Structures are given as C-alpha cells and as structure tokens.
Amino acid sequence: MRHYGYPKKIVKILENAYKDTFSTVTVGGSLTEQFKTVVGVLQGDVPSPLLFAIFLEIIVVTLLKDIDIGAWINGHRLTDLRFVDDIALLAESERSLQEVLSSLWQNSMQMRMKINVAKTETQLLGYGSGSLSIELKGQHLKHTDEFVYLGGVINSVEGTEADVKQRIGIARGIFQMLSKIWTERDLSKALKTEVFEVMVISALF
C-alpha cells in the first residue's frame, strides 16, 4: 500500500490492527484453542471489504502496467472491468486473452490468491457466434454465448435484447410482489408513485 501512495499513517494503523492477531473457531458447540492468524482479513471487520478490493487492485494494476493488451472502444483502450472480485479481462484476440489471463494467474499466485477455474468463462463479442480456446492451469475454460455481469446480460448474438428482456422481467416480478401496496386505499397516489419509481423503475437500469 505504501508503494501505491496510500498515507503512511493509515498503513501503520492497519499493520497494528493485523499484527499478532489470533482466532478461534466453534467446533461442536465449543471454541478451539487460539491460533495465530497469518493470512486473510478479519471477518466482519468494517475495513475488510475495502482492504480486499485494494489487494485485488494491486494485483491487476501490477499485471497491466507492462502489458499492452485490451479492447479498443470509441478510441479508448479498455483492459478490464472490475467490481470487487468480479473481473472481466478484455482483449482483441484469443492469443492476447490467453497471455493476459496467464499473467493474472501468475500474479495472483505470487500474492497467494487463486483464480476459480470452474467460475471462469470466456465469451466472444462483436463477431456473432463462435468460440475461444483458452486454458488455465491446463484446463480448458468453458465458453459461453451469454454471461451475466453485475446483473446485466451480455449476449454474443442478440446484443442488448436479452438484457432488456431480463430487466423487464425483474421489474415485472417486483411490481407483482408489491400488489398489496397498489391496491391499498389508505396509501396516497403520491406515495405509491414514489414506491413505484424507487422499487420498480430502478430495476430497469
């Protein structure tokens, strides 16, 4: 964190919080003896999600700083999409994608992190139907024509149509679950409209 410019005071506080920490687990209703915590973040601790996100950020930034790989969109090169531990790598060719994925695997292993091969898939966009042959740890990754990323459906063939259909379906489901509110006579039209905008309309975006 110091290397990437985080304030020394903050880093020192975090170091002290994690220095010489011990944990116990419940087995059969009883607590085990304490053991030293040497990896991971404190479970349930407020800073833990942020620390994990910073950790992944460092892994990806270290990977991409020396690799000229990505997808060109409207004159801008996008190397990846990231949301916490959901990472989508972008490349213009199968060879480039294999290269950046292999490098990510190596960087992750150096930081004692592992990529879940079973949850890693490839997708070909902008060229209609097709497939990619990408390997990780000697295993061929599953290829898909439809992938859900952060709630949005990315389809290789149908474009945005599948995503629009799913969002309309989600909004319809929420609308039906709130049927008692729509028929409640004691609630004002203004309140119902506000609930509709917050709960139903928001599901479309």
Protein backbone atom coordinates (compact mmCIF):
# COMPACT_ATOMS: atom_id res chain seq x y z
CA MET A 1 0.00 0.00 0.00
CA ARG A 2 2.92 2.34 0.69
CA HIS A 3 4.25 1.64 -2.81
CA TYR A 4 0.95 2.76 -4.33
CA GLY A 5 0.80 6.02 -2.41
CA TYR A 6 -1.51 5.25 0.49
CA PRO A 7 -0.85 7.50 3.54
CA LYS A 8 1.81 6.07 5.86
CA LYS A 9 -0.35 6.76 8.91
CA ILE A 10 -3.25 4.69 7.53
CA VAL A 11 -0.92 1.84 6.57
CA LYS A 12 0.62 1.86 10.07
CA ILE A 13 -2.81 1.72 11.72
CA LEU A 14 -3.77 -1.28 9.56
CA GLU A 15 -0.48 -3.00 10.31
CA ASN A 16 -1.06 -2.60 14.04
CA ALA A 17 -4.64 -3.89 13.68
CA TYR A 18 -3.42 -7.07 11.99
CA LYS A 19 -0.19 -7.61 13.92
CA ASP A 20 -0.18 -10.64 16.24
CA THR A 21 -3.88 -11.39 15.79
CA PHE A 22 -5.35 -14.70 16.94
CA SER A 23 -8.57 -16.53 16.07
CA THR A 24 -10.76 -19.33 17.36
CA VAL A 25 -13.48 -21.37 15.69
CA THR A 26 -16.53 -23.13 17.06
CA VAL A 27 -16.47 -26.92 16.71
CA GLY A 28 -19.29 -28.99 18.16
CA GLY A 29 -20.51 -26.05 20.23
CA SER A 30 -17.12 -25.39 21.81
CA LEU A 31 -14.34 -22.95 20.98
CA THR A 32 -10.99 -24.30 19.87
CA GLU A 33 -7.70 -23.07 21.26
CA GLN A 34 -6.45 -19.79 19.82
CA PHE A 35 -4.26 -19.90 16.72
CA LYS A 36 -2.31 -17.13 15.04
CA THR A 37 -3.94 -15.52 12.00
CA VAL A 38 -1.36 -15.28 9.24
CA VAL A 39 -3.49 -14.79 6.08
CA GLY A 40 -6.76 -13.10 5.14
CA VAL A 41 -8.66 -10.17 6.61
CA LEU A 42 -10.63 -10.01 9.83
CA GLN A 43 -14.09 -11.47 9.26
CA GLY A 44 -16.87 -8.99 9.88
CA ASP A 45 -14.44 -6.10 10.30
CA VAL A 46 -15.57 -2.83 8.67
CA PRO A 47 -12.35 -2.19 6.66
CA SER A 48 -12.11 -5.79 5.41
CA PRO A 49 -14.09 -5.37 2.12
CA LEU A 50 -12.10 -2.23 1.27
CA LEU A 51 -8.79 -3.93 2.06
CA PHE A 52 -9.72 -6.87 -0.15
CA ALA A 53 -10.64 -4.51 -3.01
CA ILE A 54 -7.31 -2.69 -2.62
CA PHE A 55 -5.48 -6.03 -2.62
CA LEU A 56 -7.11 -7.08 -5.90
CA GLU A 57 -6.50 -3.63 -7.37
CA ILE A 58 -2.77 -4.01 -6.71
CA ILE A 59 -2.73 -7.45 -8.36
CA VAL A 60 -4.45 -6.21 -11.53
CA VAL A 61 -2.55 -2.92 -11.76
CA THR A 62 0.76 -4.75 -11.38
CA LEU A 63 -0.30 -7.08 -14.19
CA LEU A 64 -1.48 -4.44 -16.65
CA LYS A 65 1.29 -1.87 -16.28
CA ASP A 66 3.64 -3.83 -18.58
CA ILE A 67 1.06 -5.40 -20.91
CA ASP A 68 -0.30 -3.55 -23.94
CA ILE A 69 -3.49 -5.58 -24.23
CA GLY A 70 -7.12 -4.54 -24.23
CA ALA A 71 -10.17 -3.81 -26.35
CA TRP A 72 -10.45 -0.55 -28.28
CA ILE A 73 -13.85 1.10 -27.84
CA ASN A 74 -14.50 4.55 -29.34
CA GLY A 75 -10.78 5.29 -29.41
CA HIS A 76 -10.14 4.22 -25.83
CA ARG A 77 -8.37 1.03 -24.77
CA LEU A 78 -10.19 -0.86 -22.02
CA THR A 79 -8.13 -3.58 -20.37
CA ASP A 80 -10.67 -4.91 -17.89
CA LEU A 81 -13.90 -4.40 -15.96
CA ARG A 82 -13.73 -4.80 -12.20
CA PHE A 83 -16.21 -4.85 -9.35
CA VAL A 84 -14.73 -6.24 -6.11
CA ASP A 85 -13.70 -9.81 -7.08
CA ASP A 86 -15.68 -9.90 -10.35
CA ILE A 87 -13.04 -9.30 -13.03
CA ALA A 88 -13.62 -9.32 -16.78
CA LEU A 89 -10.45 -9.20 -18.90
CA LEU A 90 -10.75 -7.69 -22.38
CA ALA A 91 -8.60 -8.44 -25.43
CA GLU A 92 -8.78 -8.13 -29.22
CA SER A 93 -7.52 -11.65 -29.94
CA GLU A 94 -7.54 -15.14 -28.47
CA ARG A 95 -3.76 -15.08 -28.13
CA SER A 96 -3.80 -11.77 -26.22
CA LEU A 97 -6.54 -13.00 -23.89
CA GLN A 98 -4.55 -16.16 -23.14
CA GLU A 99 -1.48 -14.06 -22.40
CA VAL A 100 -3.15 -11.66 -20.01
CA LEU A 101 -5.06 -14.44 -18.22
CA SER A 102 -1.88 -16.48 -17.72
CA SER A 103 -0.12 -13.40 -16.36
CA LEU A 104 -3.00 -12.69 -14.00
CA TRP A 105 -2.79 -16.26 -12.73
CA GLN A 106 0.94 -15.91 -12.04
CA ASN A 107 0.50 -12.55 -10.28
CA SER A 108 -2.33 -13.94 -8.17
CA MET A 109 -0.29 -16.96 -7.10
CA GLN A 110 2.58 -14.70 -6.05
CA MET A 111 0.11 -12.89 -3.78
CA ARG A 112 -1.25 -16.23 -2.50
CA MET A 113 -4.55 -15.85 -4.36
CA LYS A 114 -6.17 -18.40 -6.67
CA ILE A 115 -8.48 -17.99 -9.65
CA ASN A 116 -11.51 -20.27 -9.51
CA VAL A 117 -11.28 -22.14 -12.83
CA ALA A 118 -14.81 -23.52 -12.51
CA LYS A 119 -16.23 -19.99 -12.31
CA THR A 120 -14.10 -18.55 -15.11
CA GLU A 121 -15.62 -18.42 -18.60
CA THR A 122 -14.78 -16.93 -22.00
CA GLN A 123 -17.03 -15.05 -24.39
CA LEU A 124 -16.66 -13.75 -27.93
CA LEU A 125 -18.26 -10.37 -28.58
CA GLY A 126 -18.90 -8.48 -31.78
CA TYR A 127 -18.27 -11.38 -34.16
CA GLY A 128 -21.51 -13.33 -33.90
CA SER A 129 -21.40 -16.97 -32.88
CA GLY A 130 -18.01 -18.57 -32.28
CA SER A 131 -15.83 -19.97 -29.54
CA LEU A 132 -12.49 -19.41 -27.84
CA SER A 133 -9.94 -21.98 -26.74
CA ILE A 134 -8.42 -20.56 -23.55
CA GLU A 135 -6.62 -22.62 -20.90
CA LEU A 136 -5.90 -22.04 -17.24
CA LYS A 137 -3.88 -24.49 -15.16
CA GLY A 138 -4.03 -26.93 -18.09
CA GLN A 139 -7.83 -26.86 -18.13
CA HIS A 140 -9.94 -25.52 -20.98
CA LEU A 141 -12.24 -22.75 -19.83
CA LYS A 142 -15.94 -23.03 -20.52
CA HIS A 143 -17.09 -20.87 -23.42
CA THR A 144 -20.46 -19.14 -23.24
CA ASP A 145 -22.62 -17.05 -25.55
CA GLU A 146 -24.44 -15.41 -22.65
CA PHE A 147 -22.93 -14.06 -19.47
CA VAL A 148 -24.41 -12.13 -16.55
CA TYR A 149 -22.11 -9.41 -15.22
CA LEU A 150 -23.29 -7.17 -12.37
CA GLY A 151 -26.88 -8.05 -13.17
CA GLY A 152 -26.60 -7.23 -16.87
CA VAL A 153 -26.91 -9.90 -19.57
CA ILE A 154 -24.13 -9.80 -22.17
CA ASN A 155 -25.09 -11.87 -25.21
CA SER A 156 -22.74 -12.66 -28.11
CA VAL A 157 -25.51 -12.88 -30.71
CA GLU A 158 -28.58 -10.95 -29.53
CA GLY A 159 -26.77 -7.80 -28.41
CA THR A 160 -28.77 -5.96 -25.72
CA GLU A 161 -32.12 -7.68 -26.38
CA ALA A 162 -31.55 -10.42 -23.78
CA ASP A 163 -30.53 -7.84 -21.18
CA VAL A 164 -33.63 -5.71 -21.84
CA LYS A 165 -35.89 -8.77 -21.54
CA GLN A 166 -34.33 -9.78 -18.23
CA ARG A 167 -34.60 -6.31 -16.72
CA ILE A 168 -38.26 -6.04 -17.76
CA GLY A 169 -38.89 -9.46 -16.21
CA ILE A 170 -37.25 -8.41 -12.93
CA ALA A 171 -39.25 -5.17 -12.83
CA ARG A 172 -42.48 -7.10 -13.55
CA GLY A 173 -41.72 -9.52 -10.72
CA ILE A 174 -41.13 -6.68 -8.25
CA PHE A 175 -44.34 -4.98 -9.39
CA GLN A 176 -46.34 -8.14 -8.76
CA MET A 177 -44.78 -8.68 -5.31
CA LEU A 178 -45.93 -5.20 -4.32
CA SER A 179 -49.53 -5.76 -5.46
CA LYS A 180 -50.90 -5.14 -1.95
CA ILE A 181 -49.43 -1.66 -1.99
CA TRP A 182 -51.04 -0.78 -5.33
CA THR A 183 -54.48 -1.84 -4.06
CA GLU A 184 -54.14 -0.29 -0.59
CA ARG A 185 -56.69 2.54 -0.36
CA ASP A 186 -55.10 4.18 2.69
CA LEU A 187 -51.93 4.98 0.77
CA SER A 188 -51.78 8.15 -1.28
CA LYS A 189 -51.16 8.16 -5.02
CA ALA A 190 -48.00 10.21 -4.45
CA LEU A 191 -46.57 7.58 -2.08
CA LYS A 192 -47.44 4.75 -4.47
CA THR A 193 -45.75 6.64 -7.29
CA GLU A 194 -42.62 7.11 -5.19
CA VAL A 195 -42.54 3.39 -4.31
CA PHE A 196 -43.02 2.52 -7.98
CA GLU A 197 -40.14 4.73 -9.07
CA VAL A 198 -37.78 3.51 -6.34
CA MET A 199 -38.61 -0.21 -6.40
CA VAL A 200 -39.79 -0.95 -9.95
CA ILE A 201 -38.33 1.65 -12.32
CA SER A 202 -34.89 1.38 -10.71
CA ALA A 203 -34.79 -2.32 -11.65
CA LEU A 204 -34.74 -1.33 -15.32
CA PHE A 205 -31.39 0.43 -15.02
